[in-house]
Protein backbone atom coordinates (compact mmCIF):
# COMPACT_ATOMS: atom_id res chain seq x y z
CA MET A 1 0.00 0.00 0.00
CA SER A 2 1.44 3.39 -1.01
CA LEU A 3 1.23 6.16 1.53
CA TYR A 4 1.52 9.83 0.65
CA ALA A 5 2.38 13.12 2.34
CA GLU A 6 0.56 16.36 1.50
CA LEU A 7 2.46 19.54 2.45
CA HIS A 8 0.35 22.32 0.92
CA ARG A 9 -3.39 22.17 1.46
CA HIS A 10 -5.62 25.01 2.60
CA LEU A 11 -8.41 24.33 5.06
CA GLY A 12 -10.78 26.63 3.16
CA GLY A 13 -10.02 25.19 -0.26
CA SER A 14 -10.10 21.58 0.96
CA VAL A 15 -13.88 21.34 1.22
CA VAL A 16 -15.18 19.39 -1.77
CA PRO A 17 -18.21 20.99 -3.44
CA ARG A 18 -20.72 18.31 -2.47
CA VAL A 19 -19.84 18.55 1.25
CA LEU A 20 -20.02 22.34 1.17
CA TRP A 21 -23.34 22.27 -0.67
CA ARG A 22 -24.87 19.89 1.88
CA TYR A 23 -23.73 22.16 4.67
CA PHE A 24 -25.31 25.15 2.92
CA GLU A 25 -28.61 23.29 2.45
CA ARG A 26 -28.79 22.23 6.09
CA ASN A 27 -27.40 25.33 7.78
CA ARG A 28 -27.15 28.25 5.35
CA PRO A 29 -30.11 28.30 2.95
CA ASP A 30 -29.27 31.96 2.28
CA LEU A 31 -26.11 30.75 0.53
CA SER A 32 -27.56 27.71 -1.27
CA GLY A 33 -30.42 29.92 -2.46
CA ARG A 34 -28.01 31.90 -4.61
CA PHE A 35 -27.82 28.97 -7.03
CA GLU A 36 -30.36 27.12 -9.16
CA ASN A 37 -29.16 23.70 -8.00
CA TYR A 38 -26.05 21.78 -6.99
CA LEU A 39 -24.63 21.60 -10.53
CA ASP A 40 -24.91 25.36 -10.83
CA PHE A 41 -23.00 25.75 -7.56
CA GLU A 42 -20.36 23.18 -8.53
CA GLN A 43 -19.64 24.99 -11.79
CA PHE A 44 -19.28 28.31 -9.95
CA TYR A 45 -17.07 26.75 -7.28
CA THR A 46 -14.67 24.75 -9.46
CA GLN A 47 -14.43 26.61 -12.76
CA PRO A 48 -11.08 28.26 -13.59
CA LYS A 49 -10.65 31.93 -12.74
CA ASP A 50 -8.88 34.66 -14.70
CA THR A 51 -6.59 35.84 -11.89
CA LEU A 52 -5.24 34.76 -8.51
CA GLU A 53 -7.19 37.56 -6.83
CA GLU A 54 -10.50 36.30 -8.25
CA TYR A 55 -9.57 32.77 -7.23
CA LEU A 56 -8.81 33.84 -3.65
CA GLU A 57 -12.27 35.34 -3.27
CA LEU A 58 -13.68 31.81 -3.07
CA HIS A 59 -11.76 31.31 0.16
CA THR A 60 -13.78 34.06 1.81
CA LEU A 61 -16.99 32.16 0.99
CA VAL A 62 -15.76 29.04 2.81
CA GLU A 63 -14.08 30.93 5.64
CA SER A 64 -17.39 32.61 6.45
CA VAL A 65 -18.96 29.25 7.36
CA GLN A 66 -15.91 27.60 8.97
CA THR A 67 -16.87 28.83 12.42
CA LYS A 68 -15.71 27.30 15.69
CA GLU A 69 -18.90 25.24 15.79
CA ALA A 70 -18.71 24.07 12.16
CA LEU A 71 -14.99 23.30 11.89
CA PRO A 72 -15.26 19.72 13.30
CA TYR A 73 -17.90 18.95 10.62
CA PHE A 74 -15.60 20.03 7.80
CA ILE A 75 -12.38 18.58 9.21
CA TYR A 76 -13.89 15.15 9.88
CA ARG A 77 -14.99 14.90 6.24
CA LEU A 78 -11.71 16.28 4.98
CA ILE A 79 -9.64 13.68 6.85
CA ARG A 80 -12.06 10.88 5.98
CA GLY A 81 -11.60 11.71 2.29
CA ALA A 82 -7.83 12.04 2.65
CA TYR A 83 -7.64 8.59 4.23
CA ILE A 84 -10.09 6.71 2.01
CA PHE A 85 -9.57 8.34 -1.39
CA GLU A 86 -5.99 9.66 -1.21
CA ASN A 87 -4.22 7.23 1.12
CA LEU A 88 -2.53 10.07 2.98
CA ALA A 89 -0.32 9.18 5.91
CA TYR A 90 0.61 12.78 6.66
CA LEU A 91 -1.17 16.10 6.10
CA GLU A 92 -0.17 19.68 6.80
CA LEU A 93 -3.33 21.76 6.85
CA ARG A 94 -2.90 25.52 6.56
CA TYR A 95 -5.28 28.37 7.30
CA THR A 96 -5.53 31.83 8.87
CA PRO A 97 -7.10 31.42 12.33
CA TYR A 98 -8.17 35.08 12.50
CA TYR A 99 -10.60 34.52 9.62
CA ARG A 100 -12.37 31.72 11.55
CA THR A 101 -13.26 34.03 14.44
CA PRO A 102 -16.61 35.90 14.55
CA GLU A 103 -16.67 39.09 12.51
CA ARG A 104 -18.89 40.76 15.12
CA LEU A 105 -15.97 40.87 17.56
CA SER A 106 -13.43 43.66 17.77
CA ALA A 107 -9.96 43.09 16.33
CA VAL A 108 -8.53 42.54 19.82
CA GLU A 109 -11.29 40.07 20.70
CA ARG A 110 -10.75 38.19 17.45
CA ILE A 111 -7.04 37.86 18.20
CA ASP A 112 -7.91 36.50 21.64
CA ALA A 113 -10.32 34.01 20.04
CA MET A 114 -7.69 32.55 17.71
CA ALA A 115 -6.31 30.20 20.36
CA GLU A 116 -9.64 28.40 20.66
CA ILE A 117 -9.77 27.95 16.88
CA ILE A 118 -6.34 26.31 16.91
CA GLU A 119 -7.47 23.97 19.68
CA VAL A 120 -10.72 23.07 17.87
CA VAL A 121 -8.86 22.30 14.63
CA GLY A 122 -6.23 20.33 16.55
CA ARG A 123 -8.74 18.15 18.39
CA ALA A 124 -10.90 17.61 15.32
CA SER A 125 -7.85 16.50 13.33
CA GLN A 126 -7.12 13.61 15.68
CA GLN A 127 -9.32 10.96 14.08
CA SER A 128 -8.70 7.42 15.30
CA GLU A 129 -11.25 6.18 12.77
CA TYR A 130 -9.21 7.67 9.89
CA PRO A 131 -5.65 7.83 11.23
CA VAL A 132 -3.82 10.50 9.24
CA ILE A 133 -1.04 12.38 11.04
CA THR A 134 -2.30 15.95 10.71
CA LYS A 135 -0.55 19.16 11.72
CA GLN A 136 -1.44 22.81 11.25
CA ILE A 137 0.44 25.55 9.44
CA LEU A 138 -0.83 28.93 10.60
CA CYS A 139 -1.02 31.53 7.86
CA MET A 140 -0.20 35.13 8.34
CA HIS A 141 -2.13 37.12 5.75
CA SER A 142 -1.10 39.94 3.45
CA ARG A 143 -4.26 41.90 4.27
CA LEU A 144 -3.97 41.65 8.04
CA PRO A 145 -2.07 44.18 10.18
CA TYR A 146 1.33 43.48 11.63
CA GLU A 147 -0.03 43.03 15.17
CA THR A 148 -2.43 40.28 14.07
CA ASN A 149 0.25 38.45 12.10
CA ARG A 150 2.65 38.70 15.05
CA ALA A 151 -0.03 37.24 17.33
CA THR A 152 -0.40 34.36 14.86
CA LEU A 153 3.33 33.60 15.17
CA GLU A 154 3.21 33.69 18.94
CA LEU A 155 0.25 31.33 19.03
CA ALA A 156 2.02 28.93 16.67
CA ALA A 157 4.88 28.70 19.14
CA GLN A 158 2.47 28.06 22.03
CA TYR A 159 0.85 25.02 20.39
CA PRO A 160 3.66 22.69 19.25
CA GLU A 161 1.36 19.69 19.70
CA PHE A 162 -0.92 21.03 16.94
CA VAL A 163 1.15 23.48 14.87
CA CYS A 164 4.23 22.63 12.82
CA GLY A 165 4.96 25.89 10.99
CA VAL A 166 3.88 29.29 9.68
CA ASP A 167 3.15 30.72 6.25
CA ILE A 168 2.28 33.99 4.51
CA ALA A 169 -0.80 33.85 2.30
CA GLY A 170 -3.17 36.26 0.56
CA GLY A 171 -2.59 38.28 -2.58
CA ASP A 172 1.16 38.31 -3.19
CA SER A 173 1.14 41.68 -4.97
CA VAL A 174 0.45 43.53 -1.70
CA TYR A 175 3.12 42.00 0.56
CA ASN A 176 4.77 44.44 2.96
CA ILE A 177 8.32 43.15 2.64
CA GLU A 178 9.86 44.96 5.60
CA GLU A 179 7.09 43.76 7.90
CA LEU A 180 7.41 40.21 6.62
CA LYS A 181 11.17 40.22 7.16
CA ARG A 182 10.59 41.19 10.79
CA LEU A 183 7.88 38.59 11.21
CA TYR A 184 9.91 35.78 9.70
CA SER A 185 12.88 36.78 11.86
CA GLN A 186 10.63 36.48 14.88
CA ALA A 187 9.39 33.11 13.65
CA ARG A 188 12.96 31.85 13.45
CA GLU A 189 13.71 33.19 16.93
CA LEU A 190 10.67 31.27 18.22
CA GLY A 191 12.00 28.09 16.61
CA LEU A 192 9.17 27.85 14.08
CA ASN A 193 9.36 26.14 10.71
CA THR A 194 8.63 28.53 7.85
CA THR A 195 7.12 28.43 4.41
CA GLY A 196 5.54 31.17 2.33
CA HIS A 197 3.58 31.86 -0.83
CA LEU A 198 6.35 33.26 -3.02
CA TYR A 199 7.16 33.24 -6.73
CA GLU A 200 3.72 31.86 -7.55
CA THR A 201 2.91 34.75 -9.88
CA LYS A 202 5.09 37.32 -11.60
CA ASP A 203 3.91 39.86 -8.99
CA GLY A 204 5.05 37.70 -6.08
CA CYS A 205 8.81 37.54 -6.66
CA TYR A 206 10.63 38.75 -3.54
CA PRO A 207 14.19 37.36 -3.37
CA GLU A 208 14.86 39.09 -0.04
CA LEU A 209 12.34 36.77 1.67
CA LEU A 210 13.78 33.50 0.37
CA PRO A 211 16.53 33.10 3.02
CA TYR A 212 13.91 33.10 5.78
CA LEU A 213 12.07 30.03 4.47
CA ASN A 214 12.52 26.30 5.06
CA ARG A 215 10.21 25.59 2.10
CA ILE A 216 8.80 27.74 -0.70
CA GLY A 217 5.06 27.72 -1.32
CA HIS A 218 4.73 27.27 -5.09
CA GLY A 219 7.93 29.01 -6.27
CA ILE A 220 7.23 28.23 -9.93
CA GLN A 221 8.50 31.59 -11.20
CA ILE A 222 12.00 30.66 -10.00
CA PRO A 223 12.61 27.89 -12.56
CA LEU A 224 10.46 29.63 -15.19
CA ASN A 225 11.80 33.17 -15.09
CA HIS A 226 14.56 33.33 -12.47
CA PRO A 227 16.56 30.12 -12.93
CA GLU A 228 19.68 31.86 -11.66
CA LEU A 229 18.18 31.51 -8.16
CA LEU A 230 17.96 27.72 -8.32
CA LYS A 231 21.56 27.25 -7.20
CA ASP A 232 20.94 29.14 -3.96
CA VAL A 233 17.59 27.37 -3.40
CA ALA A 234 19.38 24.02 -3.71
CA ALA A 235 22.21 25.15 -1.41
CA ARG A 236 19.72 26.14 1.28
CA GLY A 237 17.99 22.75 0.95
CA GLN A 238 14.64 24.36 0.23
CA CYS A 239 11.79 22.40 -1.31
CA LEU A 240 9.23 23.83 -3.73
CA GLU A 241 5.59 23.04 -2.94
CA ILE A 242 4.29 22.63 -6.49
CA CYS A 243 0.48 22.52 -6.91
CA PRO A 244 -0.06 21.77 -10.63
CA THR A 245 -3.81 22.30 -11.04
CA THR A 246 -3.74 25.63 -9.22
CA TYR A 247 -1.77 27.38 -11.94
CA PHE A 248 -4.40 26.64 -14.58
CA GLN A 249 -7.26 27.48 -12.19
CA THR A 250 -5.75 30.91 -11.56
CA GLY A 251 -4.61 31.70 -15.10
CA THR A 252 -0.96 31.74 -13.98
CA LEU A 253 0.13 29.15 -16.56
CA ASP A 254 -1.12 28.68 -20.10
CA ASN A 255 -0.04 25.16 -21.05
CA ILE A 256 1.20 21.90 -19.58
CA GLY A 257 4.62 22.35 -21.20
CA GLN A 258 5.42 25.09 -18.69
CA LEU A 259 5.09 22.55 -15.88
CA LYS A 260 7.61 20.30 -17.62
CA THR A 261 10.07 23.19 -17.73
CA ILE A 262 9.57 23.74 -14.01
CA PHE A 263 10.22 20.12 -13.08
CA ASP A 264 13.13 19.63 -15.50
CA ARG A 265 15.01 22.72 -14.34
CA CYS A 266 14.50 21.86 -10.68
CA PHE A 267 15.67 18.27 -11.14
CA ASP A 268 18.73 19.46 -13.08
CA ALA A 269 19.59 21.96 -10.33
CA GLY A 270 19.07 19.51 -7.48
CA VAL A 271 16.04 21.34 -6.08
CA ASP A 272 13.49 19.11 -4.35
CA ILE A 273 9.80 19.27 -5.27
CA ALA A 274 6.81 18.11 -3.26
CA ILE A 275 3.67 17.67 -5.39
CA CYS A 276 0.64 19.09 -3.60
CA THR A 277 -3.03 19.95 -4.22
CA ASP A 278 -3.27 23.43 -2.64
CA ASN A 279 -7.10 23.53 -2.77
CA ALA A 280 -8.33 20.03 -3.56
CA GLY A 281 -11.98 20.98 -3.04
CA LEU A 282 -11.93 24.02 -5.29
CA HIS A 283 -10.29 21.94 -8.01
CA ASN A 284 -12.17 18.67 -7.47
CA VAL A 285 -8.75 17.04 -7.89
CA ARG A 286 -7.21 14.86 -5.18
CA LEU A 287 -3.50 14.18 -4.77
CA PRO A 288 -3.33 10.84 -6.68
CA PHE A 289 -4.95 12.57 -9.67
CA GLU A 290 -2.29 15.28 -9.57
CA TYR A 291 0.26 12.46 -9.83
CA GLU A 292 -1.63 10.80 -12.67
CA ASP A 293 -2.01 14.02 -14.68
CA LEU A 294 1.72 14.75 -14.48
CA LEU A 295 2.53 11.22 -15.64
CA THR A 296 -0.02 10.96 -18.46
CA GLN A 297 0.89 14.41 -19.78
CA ASP A 298 4.59 13.41 -19.85
CA VAL A 299 5.60 16.17 -17.46
CA ILE A 300 7.49 13.66 -15.31
CA GLY A 301 8.22 9.94 -15.32
CA PHE A 302 7.78 7.36 -12.58
CA ASP A 303 11.32 7.84 -11.24
CA GLU A 304 10.70 11.57 -10.87
CA LEU A 305 7.33 10.90 -9.25
CA ARG A 306 8.92 8.64 -6.65
CA ALA A 307 11.56 11.30 -5.99
CA CYS A 308 8.86 13.93 -5.40
CA GLN A 309 6.90 11.61 -3.13
CA ALA A 310 10.05 10.93 -1.08
CA SER A 311 10.79 14.68 -0.94
CA ALA A 312 7.36 15.32 0.56
CA PHE A 313 8.15 13.09 3.54
CA ARG A 314 11.73 14.35 3.82
CA HIS A 315 10.66 18.01 3.97
CA ALA A 316 7.56 17.48 6.14
CA PHE A 317 7.83 19.67 9.21
CA ALA A 318 6.46 17.10 11.68
CA TRP A 319 7.19 13.70 10.12
CA PRO A 320 9.59 11.56 12.20
CA HIS A 321 12.29 11.39 9.56
CA LYS A 322 14.27 8.36 10.67
CA GLN A 323 11.83 5.75 9.41
CA GLN A 324 10.34 5.07 6.01
CA PRO A 325 6.66 6.04 5.58
CA VAL A 326 5.12 2.56 5.56
CA SER A 327 7.06 1.15 8.51
CA LEU A 328 6.66 4.31 10.57
CA ILE A 329 2.92 4.71 10.06
CA SER A 330 2.47 1.08 11.14
CA THR A 331 4.45 1.73 14.32
CA LEU A 332 2.52 4.91 15.13
CA LEU A 333 -0.85 3.32 14.58
CA LYS A 334 -0.01 0.28 16.67
CA ASP A 335 0.99 2.62 19.47
CA GLN A 336 -2.54 4.02 19.27
CA GLY A 337 -4.11 0.56 19.19
CA ILE A 338 -5.10 1.01 15.55
CA GLU A 339 -4.37 -1.04 12.46
CA ARG A 340 -4.66 0.79 9.15
CA GLY A 341 -7.83 -0.30 7.42
CA ARG A 342 -9.50 -1.48 10.64
CA GLN A 343 -11.56 0.11 13.34
CA PRO A 344 -9.89 1.20 16.62
CA ILE A 345 -9.34 -1.56 19.12
CA ALA A 346 -11.70 -1.17 22.08
CA ARG A 347 -10.00 -0.39 25.37
């Protein structure tokens, strides 16, 4: 049985359209009523967008319903799908906790409420029925003030049992570079693992941020348009979190041949790649289908696929690196009284 690691998946974009629609019907008829029927909603939810900014607007729709009370509903179904349909052994789930707090609260009250969100997500992610090792990456956000993003870092450091790293997300054209340099310096001082949405689009190329990162979220513009940076990326041991479907959903790439250029140049330069989904629900594409598309479109071969799958485990922030995936997951599950593919043993 193959087991996979997923390093770049957003909590908001992970909700598959059918699950979100059922939640709307049962709890938010004001939202389901905007559409003629489910197929009308699915088309709206999954169709490609012209720009990254338009694409990111869909996250606000999901974030508005991922309240403290509703998060266990969504996370249970997310992990169930990851276990049954994707055979994930390890999942890093990223999100901005501030955007899951009630909008009616003041900014200070919302910051105070973030800790409870982290705890709710952490507890809901521990599913003995579907045993996937799940950790959180807390996202700072380009549209949030410095104080809120700093509070996000501090909370990440306070919850090592749930949180494995931090990220910067949001529209990359509005990054405040000096603020982010201070924030990432603080993250390093707190001992946090770091990744960040950089070099995804031509507007998001900030070389001064690269030295602060353990991994690079997307990073496709480096091999495409800034290949001179690949040597330094390799020397720092950074891994690119490549999410193939995303770039066609956002209008960032035009054709599949551009993906081949990305992979070929990274392999030639010794830069590791982890293949990820980013927003599996928005795309209606799960991780094994990302693998299959890359193979059938001759972007990579099976040897390269295996190398990327190994890189995902090697660069995972919270995977115990000394054991191979299959043997380690068996050990961990036995420690919990669970055998993969069976129900928990009664105690």
